[in-house]
Each structure stands twice: as C-alpha cells, then as structure tokens.
Amino acid sequence: MDDDPDEVLVIELECDDWPAPYSRTLTRRQLGELLLLLDDMPEETAVVQENPA
C-alpha cells in the first residue's frame, strides 16, 4: 500500500479543558515530521531536567 505524502488530512485535537476541538489540515509528510518532533521531546526534556541551566 502506497501512501501519498502530499495527501491532505484533517487532524482534530481535543482536550478536556478546551471549549471545542481544534482542527487542522496537514499533509501526510507534515504529520510525519510533527510526529518525529513529538517523539524526540521526552528525551530533550529529560536532558534539560538532568542539566538545568
């Protein structure tokens, strides 16, 4: 199955404290890049917590 990296997707985020869901359109490529950034965040946070400025 081939996924088109330029296919447009609608991503909806919902949080209990938000008055309404937040929708955004992204391409599959943009979503992939965003997920990679989010995947790296816990490691970066741990490094900062171990070595505060």
Protein backbone atom coordinates (compact mmCIF):
# COMPACT_ATOMS: atom_id res chain seq x y z
CA MET A 1 0.00 0.00 0.00
CA ASP A 2 1.49 3.32 -1.09
CA ASP A 3 0.66 6.41 0.92
CA ASP A 4 0.82 9.72 -0.91
CA PRO A 5 2.98 12.08 1.22
CA ASP A 6 1.09 15.05 -0.23
CA GLU A 7 -2.35 13.70 0.68
CA VAL A 8 -4.20 16.24 2.83
CA LEU A 9 -5.55 15.02 6.17
CA VAL A 10 -7.72 16.70 8.78
CA ILE A 11 -6.28 16.27 12.27
CA GLU A 12 -8.53 17.03 15.23
CA LEU A 13 -7.18 17.57 18.74
CA GLU A 14 -9.47 17.53 21.72
CA CYS A 15 -8.67 18.26 25.34
CA ASP A 16 -10.99 18.26 28.38
CA ASP A 17 -10.21 21.92 29.19
CA TRP A 18 -10.80 23.21 25.65
CA PRO A 19 -14.20 24.65 24.75
CA ALA A 20 -14.14 22.92 21.35
CA PRO A 21 -11.92 20.55 19.35
CA TYR A 22 -9.08 22.11 17.35
CA SER A 23 -8.92 21.00 13.71
CA ARG A 24 -6.02 21.49 11.33
CA THR A 25 -5.26 20.31 7.81
CA LEU A 26 -1.84 18.77 7.23
CA THR A 27 -0.23 16.67 4.57
CA ARG A 28 0.94 13.17 5.46
CA ARG A 29 4.51 14.49 5.17
CA GLN A 30 3.84 17.33 7.64
CA LEU A 31 2.15 14.92 10.04
CA GLY A 32 5.15 12.59 9.86
CA GLU A 33 7.56 15.45 10.62
CA LEU A 34 5.39 16.59 13.53
CA LEU A 35 5.23 13.09 14.99
CA LEU A 36 9.03 12.79 14.78
CA LEU A 37 9.39 16.09 16.68
CA LEU A 38 6.96 14.94 19.35
CA ASP A 39 8.78 11.61 19.62
CA ASP A 40 12.05 13.43 20.46
CA MET A 41 10.51 15.72 23.08
CA PRO A 42 10.68 13.34 26.10
CA GLU A 43 14.42 12.82 25.58
CA GLU A 44 15.07 16.56 25.26
CA THR A 45 13.00 17.24 28.39
CA ALA A 46 14.92 14.61 30.36
CA VAL A 47 18.26 16.14 29.33
CA VAL A 48 17.14 19.62 30.42
CA GLN A 49 15.85 18.28 33.73
CA GLU A 50 19.14 16.49 34.39
CA ASN A 51 21.25 19.54 33.46
CA PRO A 52 19.33 22.69 34.45
CA ALA A 53 20.95 25.95 33.40
